[in-house]
Amino acid sequence: MFPFTYELSGEGLEVRFGPWVVRRIYYSDMTGAEAGYAFWNEHWSNFWPWEHITIRRKTGLIKNFVINPPDRDQFLNELRLKIGGDRGRS
């Protein structure tokens, strides 16, 4: 069984299951990212680790998107740089 993996591509965040991209969120649709778990969310997380990132989106019925990459803090910093400036700290 393949766990989900997360990649910051040129256009957005890609959620992968093995070699397949199963979900993509474009940076232009993100309003911010923070450590932690939002209750009402669309989640693409593995059973481990339990350190989550919540990404806030402009569009969609459910605006919170939750993932849990292995090195949360490093991934969050890189994601905020891709989102741009203060928008990543909402």
PDB file of N, CA and C in Angstrom:
ATOM      1  N   MET A   1       0.836  -1.186   0.000  1.00  0.00           N
ATOM      2  CA  MET A   1       0.000   0.000   0.000  1.00  0.00           C
ATOM      3  C   MET A   1       0.878   1.245   0.000  1.00  0.00           C
ATOM      4  N   PHE A   2       0.527   2.225  -0.807  1.00  0.00           N
ATOM      5  CA  PHE A   2       1.265   3.474  -0.882  1.00  0.00           C
ATOM      6  C   PHE A   2       0.624   4.506   0.039  1.00  0.00           C
ATOM      7  N   PRO A   3       1.421   5.179   0.841  1.00  0.00           N
ATOM      8  CA  PRO A   3       0.853   6.316   1.575  1.00  0.00           C
ATOM      9  C   PRO A   3       0.752   7.518   0.642  1.00  0.00           C
ATOM     10  N   PHE A   4      -0.049   8.502   1.030  1.00  0.00           N
ATOM     11  CA  PHE A   4      -0.085   9.750   0.280  1.00  0.00           C
ATOM     12  C   PHE A   4       1.255  10.452   0.452  1.00  0.00           C
ATOM     13  N   THR A   5       1.720  11.083  -0.619  1.00  0.00           N
ATOM     14  CA  THR A   5       2.886  11.952  -0.550  1.00  0.00           C
ATOM     15  C   THR A   5       2.457  13.309  -1.079  1.00  0.00           C
ATOM     16  N   TYR A   6       3.229  14.329  -0.729  1.00  0.00           N
ATOM     17  CA  TYR A   6       2.861  15.703  -1.065  1.00  0.00           C
ATOM     18  C   TYR A   6       4.041  16.373  -1.743  1.00  0.00           C
ATOM     19  N   GLU A   7       3.763  17.032  -2.858  1.00  0.00           N
ATOM     20  CA  GLU A   7       4.814  17.677  -3.633  1.00  0.00           C
ATOM     21  C   GLU A   7       4.406  19.103  -3.968  1.00  0.00           C
ATOM     22  N   LEU A   8       5.347  20.030  -3.803  1.00  0.00           N
ATOM     23  CA  LEU A   8       5.127  21.418  -4.192  1.00  0.00           C
ATOM     24  C   LEU A   8       5.672  21.584  -5.605  1.00  0.00           C
ATOM     25  N   SER A   9       4.777  21.543  -6.578  1.00  0.00           N
ATOM     26  CA  SER A   9       5.185  21.665  -7.978  1.00  0.00           C
ATOM     27  C   SER A   9       5.255  23.138  -8.356  1.00  0.00           C
ATOM     28  N   GLY A  10       5.496  23.415  -9.610  1.00  0.00           N
ATOM     29  CA  GLY A  10       5.555  24.790 -10.085  1.00  0.00           C
ATOM     30  C   GLY A  10       4.222  25.516  -9.992  1.00  0.00           C
ATOM     31  N   GLU A  11       3.102  24.784 -10.113  1.00  0.00           N
ATOM     32  CA  GLU A  11       1.773  25.397 -10.133  1.00  0.00           C
ATOM     33  C   GLU A  11       1.014  25.279  -8.820  1.00  0.00           C
ATOM     34  N   GLY A  12       1.310  24.251  -8.035  1.00  0.00           N
ATOM     35  CA  GLY A  12       0.532  24.059  -6.815  1.00  0.00           C
ATOM     36  C   GLY A  12       0.962  22.847  -6.032  1.00  0.00           C
ATOM     37  N   LEU A  13       0.189  22.557  -5.013  1.00  0.00           N
ATOM     38  CA  LEU A  13       0.409  21.396  -4.154  1.00  0.00           C
ATOM     39  C   LEU A  13      -0.220  20.182  -4.813  1.00  0.00           C
ATOM     40  N   GLU A  14       0.550  19.120  -4.937  1.00  0.00           N
ATOM     41  CA  GLU A  14       0.042  17.870  -5.497  1.00  0.00           C
ATOM     42  C   GLU A  14      -0.001  16.812  -4.409  1.00  0.00           C
ATOM     43  N   VAL A  15      -1.141  16.141  -4.294  1.00  0.00           N
ATOM     44  CA  VAL A  15      -1.270  14.975  -3.419  1.00  0.00           C
ATOM     45  C   VAL A  15      -1.119  13.764  -4.324  1.00  0.00           C
ATOM     46  N   ARG A  16      -0.203  12.894  -3.972  1.00  0.00           N
ATOM     47  CA  ARG A  16       0.078  11.726  -4.809  1.00  0.00           C
ATOM     48  C   ARG A  16      -0.205  10.434  -4.051  1.00  0.00           C
ATOM     49  N   PHE A  17      -0.663   9.458  -4.793  1.00  0.00           N
ATOM     50  CA  PHE A  17      -0.813   8.095  -4.295  1.00  0.00           C
ATOM     51  C   PHE A  17       0.020   7.238  -5.222  1.00  0.00           C
ATOM     52  N   GLY A  18       1.208   6.869  -4.753  1.00  0.00           N
ATOM     53  CA  GLY A  18       2.160   6.205  -5.635  1.00  0.00           C
ATOM     54  C   GLY A  18       2.561   7.182  -6.731  1.00  0.00           C
ATOM     55  N   PRO A  19       2.521   6.764  -7.985  1.00  0.00           N
ATOM     56  CA  PRO A  19       2.923   7.660  -9.087  1.00  0.00           C
ATOM     57  C   PRO A  19       1.816   8.600  -9.568  1.00  0.00           C
ATOM     58  N   TRP A  20       0.597   8.456  -9.050  1.00  0.00           N
ATOM     59  CA  TRP A  20      -0.546   9.209  -9.549  1.00  0.00           C
ATOM     60  C   TRP A  20      -0.834  10.459  -8.730  1.00  0.00           C
ATOM     61  N   VAL A  21      -1.131  11.556  -9.417  1.00  0.00           N
ATOM     62  CA  VAL A  21      -1.606  12.766  -8.748  1.00  0.00           C
ATOM     63  C   VAL A  21      -3.109  12.580  -8.558  1.00  0.00           C
ATOM     64  N   VAL A  22      -3.551  12.553  -7.290  1.00  0.00           N
ATOM     65  CA  VAL A  22      -4.969  12.336  -7.000  1.00  0.00           C
ATOM     66  C   VAL A  22      -5.696  13.630  -6.634  1.00  0.00           C
ATOM     67  N   ARG A  23      -4.934  14.670  -6.297  1.00  0.00           N
ATOM     68  CA  ARG A  23      -5.541  15.964  -5.956  1.00  0.00           C
ATOM     69  C   ARG A  23      -4.506  17.049  -6.147  1.00  0.00           C
ATOM     70  N   ARG A  24      -4.948  18.195  -6.661  1.00  0.00           N
ATOM     71  CA  ARG A  24      -4.039  19.335  -6.864  1.00  0.00           C
ATOM     72  C   ARG A  24      -4.751  20.604  -6.413  1.00  0.00           C
ATOM     73  N   ILE A  25      -4.040  21.433  -5.648  1.00  0.00           N
ATOM     74  CA  ILE A  25      -4.534  22.741  -5.238  1.00  0.00           C
ATOM     75  C   ILE A  25      -3.550  23.772  -5.770  1.00  0.00           C
ATOM     76  N   TYR A  26      -4.019  24.707  -6.566  1.00  0.00           N
ATOM     77  CA  TYR A  26      -3.141  25.719  -7.148  1.00  0.00           C
ATOM     78  C   TYR A  26      -2.799  26.786  -6.112  1.00  0.00           C
ATOM     79  N   TYR A  27      -1.583  27.298  -6.178  1.00  0.00           N
ATOM     80  CA  TYR A  27      -1.152  28.353  -5.251  1.00  0.00           C
ATOM     81  C   TYR A  27      -2.071  29.572  -5.349  1.00  0.00           C
ATOM     82  N   SER A  28      -2.549  29.852  -6.541  1.00  0.00           N
ATOM     83  CA  SER A  28      -3.415  31.023  -6.736  1.00  0.00           C
ATOM     84  C   SER A  28      -4.759  30.874  -6.015  1.00  0.00           C
ATOM     85  N   ASP A  29      -5.135  29.659  -5.639  1.00  0.00           N
ATOM     86  CA  ASP A  29      -6.384  29.415  -4.917  1.00  0.00           C
ATOM     87  C   ASP A  29      -6.181  29.398  -3.394  1.00  0.00           C
ATOM     88  N   MET A  30      -4.938  29.506  -2.947  1.00  0.00           N
ATOM     89  CA  MET A  30      -4.637  29.450  -1.515  1.00  0.00           C
ATOM     90  C   MET A  30      -4.602  30.848  -0.916  1.00  0.00           C
ATOM     91  N   THR A  31      -5.208  30.980   0.265  1.00  0.00           N
ATOM     92  CA  THR A  31      -5.152  32.255   0.980  1.00  0.00           C
ATOM     93  C   THR A  31      -4.216  32.190   2.174  1.00  0.00           C
ATOM     94  N   GLY A  32      -3.830  30.998   2.590  1.00  0.00           N
ATOM     95  CA  GLY A  32      -2.922  30.862   3.720  1.00  0.00           C
ATOM     96  C   GLY A  32      -2.727  29.411   4.112  1.00  0.00           C
ATOM     97  N   ALA A  33      -1.747  29.201   4.986  1.00  0.00           N
ATOM     98  CA  ALA A  33      -1.446  27.864   5.488  1.00  0.00           C
ATOM     99  C   ALA A  33      -0.950  27.986   6.917  1.00  0.00           C
ATOM    100  N   GLU A  34      -1.358  27.047   7.759  1.00  0.00           N
ATOM    101  CA  GLU A  34      -0.936  27.083   9.157  1.00  0.00           C
ATOM    102  C   GLU A  34      -0.809  25.666   9.699  1.00  0.00           C
ATOM    103  N   ALA A  35       0.014  25.525  10.719  1.00  0.00           N
ATOM    104  CA  ALA A  35       0.151  24.251  11.398  1.00  0.00           C
ATOM    105  C   ALA A  35      -1.132  23.990  12.178  1.00  0.00           C
ATOM    106  N   GLY A  36      -1.575  22.762  12.162  1.00  0.00           N
ATOM    107  CA  GLY A  36      -2.763  22.399  12.917  1.00  0.00           C
ATOM    108  C   GLY A  36      -3.850  21.814  12.037  1.00  0.00           C
ATOM    109  N   TYR A  37      -4.940  21.453  12.681  1.00  0.00           N
ATOM    110  CA  TYR A  37      -6.032  20.723  12.053  1.00  0.00           C
ATOM    111  C   TYR A  37      -7.321  21.515  12.183  1.00  0.00           C
ATOM    112  N   ALA A  38      -7.967  21.778  11.083  1.00  0.00           N
ATOM    113  CA  ALA A  38      -9.265  22.455  11.104  1.00  0.00           C
ATOM    114  C   ALA A  38     -10.368  21.396  11.139  1.00  0.00           C
ATOM    115  N   PHE A  39     -11.382  21.616  11.943  1.00  0.00           N
ATOM    116  CA  PHE A  39     -12.440  20.620  12.123  1.00  0.00           C
ATOM    117  C   PHE A  39     -13.182  20.319  10.821  1.00  0.00           C
ATOM    118  N   TRP A  40     -13.701  21.326  10.147  1.00  0.00           N
ATOM    119  CA  TRP A  40     -14.445  21.133   8.901  1.00  0.00           C
ATOM    120  C   TRP A  40     -13.462  21.213   7.755  1.00  0.00           C
ATOM    121  N   ASN A  41     -13.135  20.074   7.112  1.00  0.00           N
ATOM    122  CA  ASN A  41     -12.071  20.075   6.125  1.00  0.00           C
ATOM    123  C   ASN A  41     -12.222  18.976   5.086  1.00  0.00           C
ATOM    124  N   GLU A  42     -11.467  19.149   4.044  1.00  0.00           N
ATOM    125  CA  GLU A  42     -11.196  18.083   3.078  1.00  0.00           C
ATOM    126  C   GLU A  42      -9.807  17.586   3.446  1.00  0.00           C
ATOM    127  N   HIS A  43      -9.691  16.335   3.816  1.00  0.00           N
ATOM    128  CA  HIS A  43      -8.380  15.882   4.264  1.00  0.00           C
ATOM    129  C   HIS A  43      -7.827  14.761   3.389  1.00  0.00           C
ATOM    130  N   TRP A  44      -6.537  14.876   3.170  1.00  0.00           N
ATOM    131  CA  TRP A  44      -5.756  13.904   2.425  1.00  0.00           C
ATOM    132  C   TRP A  44      -4.535  13.580   3.281  1.00  0.00           C
ATOM    133  N   SER A  45      -4.772  12.899   4.369  1.00  0.00           N
ATOM    134  CA  SER A  45      -3.679  12.641   5.303  1.00  0.00           C
ATOM    135  C   SER A  45      -3.502  11.150   5.533  1.00  0.00           C
ATOM    136  N   ASN A  46      -2.292  10.814   5.943  1.00  0.00           N
ATOM    137  CA  ASN A  46      -1.931   9.452   6.289  1.00  0.00           C
ATOM    138  C   ASN A  46      -2.223   9.224   7.773  1.00  0.00           C
ATOM    139  N   PHE A  47      -2.101   7.991   8.211  1.00  0.00           N
ATOM    140  CA  PHE A  47      -2.312   7.698   9.629  1.00  0.00           C
ATOM    141  C   PHE A  47      -1.178   8.229  10.493  1.00  0.00           C
ATOM    142  N   TRP A  48      -0.008   8.432   9.901  1.00  0.00           N
ATOM    143  CA  TRP A  48       1.145   8.916  10.655  1.00  0.00           C
ATOM    144  C   TRP A  48       1.960   9.812   9.746  1.00  0.00           C
ATOM    145  N   PRO A  49       2.510  10.887  10.126  1.00  0.00           N
ATOM    146  CA  PRO A  49       2.519  11.510  11.459  1.00  0.00           C
ATOM    147  C   PRO A  49       1.226  12.252  11.737  1.00  0.00           C
ATOM    148  N   TRP A  50       1.030  12.662  12.982  1.00  0.00           N
ATOM    149  CA  TRP A  50      -0.176  13.364  13.401  1.00  0.00           C
ATOM    150  C   TRP A  50      -0.025  14.871  13.359  1.00  0.00           C
ATOM    151  N   GLU A  51       1.035  15.368  12.770  1.00  0.00           N
ATOM    152  CA  GLU A  51       1.256  16.816  12.656  1.00  0.00           C
ATOM    153  C   GLU A  51       0.676  17.293  11.328  1.00  0.00           C
ATOM    154  N   HIS A  52      -0.406  18.035  11.399  1.00  0.00           N
ATOM    155  CA  HIS A  52      -1.145  18.445  10.207  1.00  0.00           C
ATOM    156  C   HIS A  52      -0.858  19.886   9.795  1.00  0.00           C
ATOM    157  N   ILE A  53      -1.152  20.156   8.534  1.00  0.00           N
ATOM    158  CA  ILE A  53      -1.144  21.507   7.967  1.00  0.00           C
ATOM    159  C   ILE A  53      -2.535  21.757   7.408  1.00  0.00           C
ATOM    160  N   THR A  54      -3.104  22.910   7.734  1.00  0.00           N
ATOM    161  CA  THR A  54      -4.380  23.324   7.151  1.00  0.00           C
ATOM    162  C   THR A  54      -4.112  24.425   6.142  1.00  0.00           C
ATOM    163  N   ILE A  55      -4.577  24.211   4.933  1.00  0.00           N
ATOM    164  CA  ILE A  55      -4.449  25.187   3.854  1.00  0.00           C
ATOM    165  C   ILE A  55      -5.834  25.794   3.637  1.00  0.00           C
ATOM    166  N   ARG A  56      -5.897  27.099   3.623  1.00  0.00           N
ATOM    167  CA  ARG A  56      -7.166  27.801   3.394  1.00  0.00           C
ATOM    168  C   ARG A  56      -7.267  28.138   1.900  1.00  0.00           C
ATOM    169  N   ARG A  57      -8.449  27.874   1.336  1.00  0.00           N
ATOM    170  CA  ARG A  57      -8.661  28.109  -0.093  1.00  0.00           C
ATOM    171  C   ARG A  57      -9.712  29.181  -0.324  1.00  0.00           C
ATOM    172  N   LYS A  58      -9.644  29.791  -1.499  1.00  0.00           N
ATOM    173  CA  LYS A  58     -10.632  30.799  -1.902  1.00  0.00           C
ATOM    174  C   LYS A  58     -11.915  30.144  -2.408  1.00  0.00           C
ATOM    175  N   THR A  59     -11.782  29.015  -3.086  1.00  0.00           N
ATOM    176  CA  THR A  59     -12.914  28.399  -3.771  1.00  0.00           C
ATOM    177  C   THR A  59     -13.279  27.060  -3.141  1.00  0.00           C
ATOM    178  N   GLY A  60     -14.439  26.560  -3.539  1.00  0.00           N
ATOM    179  CA  GLY A  60     -14.883  25.257  -3.076  1.00  0.00           C
ATOM    180  C   GLY A  60     -15.839  25.357  -1.909  1.00  0.00           C
ATOM    181  N   LEU A  61     -16.654  24.350  -1.742  1.00  0.00           N
ATOM    182  CA  LEU A  61     -17.608  24.306  -0.647  1.00  0.00           C
ATOM    183  C   LEU A  61     -16.884  24.202   0.696  1.00  0.00           C
ATOM    184  N   ILE A  62     -15.858  23.384   0.745  1.00  0.00           N
ATOM    185  CA  ILE A  62     -15.056  23.218   1.957  1.00  0.00           C
ATOM    186  C   ILE A  62     -13.740  23.941   1.732  1.00  0.00           C
ATOM    187  N   LYS A  63     -13.500  24.982   2.483  1.00  0.00           N
ATOM    188  CA  LYS A  63     -12.344  25.858   2.263  1.00  0.00           C
ATOM    189  C   LYS A  63     -11.061  25.361   2.924  1.00  0.00           C
ATOM    190  N   ASN A  64     -11.159  24.493   3.931  1.00  0.00           N
ATOM    191  CA  ASN A  64      -9.971  23.981   4.623  1.00  0.00           C
ATOM    192  C   ASN A  64      -9.525  22.669   4.003  1.00  0.00           C
ATOM    193  N   PHE A  65      -8.246  22.591   3.714  1.00  0.00           N
ATOM    194  CA  PHE A  65      -7.649  21.429   3.070  1.00  0.00           C
ATOM    195  C   PHE A  65      -6.518  20.961   3.978  1.00  0.00           C
ATOM    196  N   VAL A  66      -6.584  19.731   4.490  1.00  0.00           N
ATOM    197  CA  VAL A  66      -5.635  19.250   5.497  1.00  0.00           C
ATOM    198  C   VAL A  66      -4.753  18.132   4.941  1.00  0.00           C
ATOM    199  N   ILE A  67      -3.447  18.275   5.194  1.00  0.00           N
ATOM    200  CA  ILE A  67      -2.461  17.259   4.816  1.00  0.00           C
ATOM    201  C   ILE A  67      -1.529  17.030   6.011  1.00  0.00           C
ATOM    202  N   ASN A  68      -0.687  15.998   5.925  1.00  0.00           N
ATOM    203  CA  ASN A  68       0.296  15.766   6.985  1.00  0.00           C
ATOM    204  C   ASN A  68       1.613  15.232   6.419  1.00  0.00           C
ATOM    205  N   PRO A  69       2.412  16.120   5.831  1.00  0.00           N
ATOM    206  CA  PRO A  69       3.716  15.705   5.314  1.00  0.00           C
ATOM    207  C   PRO A  69       4.656  15.311   6.456  1.00  0.00           C
ATOM    208  N   PRO A  70       5.664  14.481   6.173  1.00  0.00           N
ATOM    209  CA  PRO A  70       6.564  14.005   7.227  1.00  0.00           C
ATOM    210  C   PRO A  70       7.277  15.109   8.007  1.00  0.00           C
ATOM    211  N   ASP A  71       7.820  16.105   7.333  1.00  0.00           N
ATOM    212  CA  ASP A  71       8.501  17.206   8.025  1.00  0.00           C
ATOM    213  C   ASP A  71       7.621  18.448   7.909  1.00  0.00           C
ATOM    214  N   ARG A  72       6.613  18.520   8.796  1.00  0.00           N
ATOM    215  CA  ARG A  72       5.586  19.550   8.696  1.00  0.00           C
ATOM    216  C   ARG A  72       6.147  20.968   8.643  1.00  0.00           C
ATOM    217  N   ASP A  73       7.049  21.306   9.549  1.00  0.00           N
ATOM    218  CA  ASP A  73       7.517  22.686   9.645  1.00  0.00           C
ATOM    219  C   ASP A  73       8.290  23.121   8.399  1.00  0.00           C
ATOM    220  N   GLN A  74       9.155  22.262   7.892  1.00  0.00           N
ATOM    221  CA  GLN A  74       9.895  22.588   6.675  1.00  0.00           C
ATOM    222  C   GLN A  74       8.937  22.704   5.487  1.00  0.00           C
ATOM    223  N   PHE A  75       8.012  21.771   5.366  1.00  0.00           N
ATOM    224  CA  PHE A  75       7.047  21.801   4.276  1.00  0.00           C
ATOM    225  C   PHE A  75       6.195  23.068   4.344  1.00  0.00           C
ATOM    226  N   LEU A  76       5.765  23.434   5.552  1.00  0.00           N
ATOM    227  CA  LEU A  76       4.947  24.627   5.742  1.00  0.00           C
ATOM    228  C   LEU A  76       5.704  25.888   5.340  1.00  0.00           C
ATOM    229  N   ASN A  77       6.966  25.986   5.706  1.00  0.00           N
ATOM    230  CA  ASN A  77       7.777  27.140   5.314  1.00  0.00           C
ATOM    231  C   ASN A  77       7.918  27.238   3.803  1.00  0.00           C
ATOM    232  N   GLU A  78       8.183  26.110   3.142  1.00  0.00           N
ATOM    233  CA  GLU A  78       8.310  26.102   1.680  1.00  0.00           C
ATOM    234  C   GLU A  78       6.981  26.455   1.015  1.00  0.00           C
ATOM    235  N   LEU A  79       5.883  25.949   1.561  1.00  0.00           N
ATOM    236  CA  LEU A  79       4.560  26.246   1.011  1.00  0.00           C
ATOM    237  C   LEU A  79       4.238  27.727   1.142  1.00  0.00           C
ATOM    238  N   ARG A  80       4.537  28.310   2.287  1.00  0.00           N
ATOM    239  CA  ARG A  80       4.281  29.740   2.483  1.00  0.00           C
ATOM    240  C   ARG A  80       5.081  30.591   1.515  1.00  0.00           C
ATOM    241  N   LEU A  81       6.296  30.192   1.204  1.00  0.00           N
ATOM    242  CA  LEU A  81       7.089  30.919   0.204  1.00  0.00           C
ATOM    243  C   LEU A  81       6.429  30.837  -1.164  1.00  0.00           C
ATOM    244  N   LYS A  82       5.887  29.672  -1.499  1.00  0.00           N
ATOM    245  CA  LYS A  82       5.217  29.505  -2.797  1.00  0.00           C
ATOM    246  C   LYS A  82       3.926  30.325  -2.864  1.00  0.00           C
ATOM    247  N   ILE A  83       3.182  30.363  -1.748  1.00  0.00           N
ATOM    248  CA  ILE A  83       1.940  31.133  -1.713  1.00  0.00           C
ATOM    249  C   ILE A  83       2.265  32.619  -1.825  1.00  0.00           C
ATOM    250  N   GLY A  84       3.312  33.035  -1.114  1.00  0.00           N
ATOM    251  CA  GLY A  84       3.776  34.404  -1.227  1.00  0.00           C
ATOM    252  C   GLY A  84       3.471  35.267  -0.029  1.00  0.00           C
ATOM    253  N   GLY A  85       4.523  35.816   0.545  1.00  0.00           N
ATOM    254  CA  GLY A  85       4.429  36.839   1.592  1.00  0.00           C
ATOM    255  C   GLY A  85       3.534  36.504   2.759  1.00  0.00           C
ATOM    256  N   ASP A  86       2.781  37.503   3.220  1.00  0.00           N
ATOM    257  CA  ASP A  86       1.938  37.366   4.391  1.00  0.00           C
ATOM    258  C   ASP A  86       0.694  36.518   4.148  1.00  0.00           C
ATOM    259  N   ARG A  87       0.358  36.267   2.888  1.00  0.00           N
ATOM    260  CA  ARG A  87      -0.814  35.437   2.610  1.00  0.00           C
ATOM    261  C   ARG A  87      -0.663  34.054   3.221  1.00  0.00           C
ATOM    262  N   GLY A  88       0.574  33.560   3.377  1.00  0.00           N
ATOM    263  CA  GLY A  88       0.797  32.226   3.914  1.00  0.00           C
ATOM    264  C   GLY A  88       0.647  32.135   5.411  1.00  0.00           C
ATOM    265  N   ARG A  89       0.413  33.252   6.093  1.00  0.00           N
ATOM    266  CA  ARG A  89       0.365  33.224   7.553  1.00  0.00           C
ATOM    267  C   ARG A  89      -1.011  33.533   8.114  1.00  0.00           C
ATOM    268  N   SER A  90      -2.053  33.245   7.382  1.00  0.00           N
ATOM    269  CA  SER A  90      -3.389  33.548   7.897  1.00  0.00           C
ATOM    270  C   SER A  90      -3.856  32.502   8.876  1.00  0.00           C
TER     271      SER A  90
END
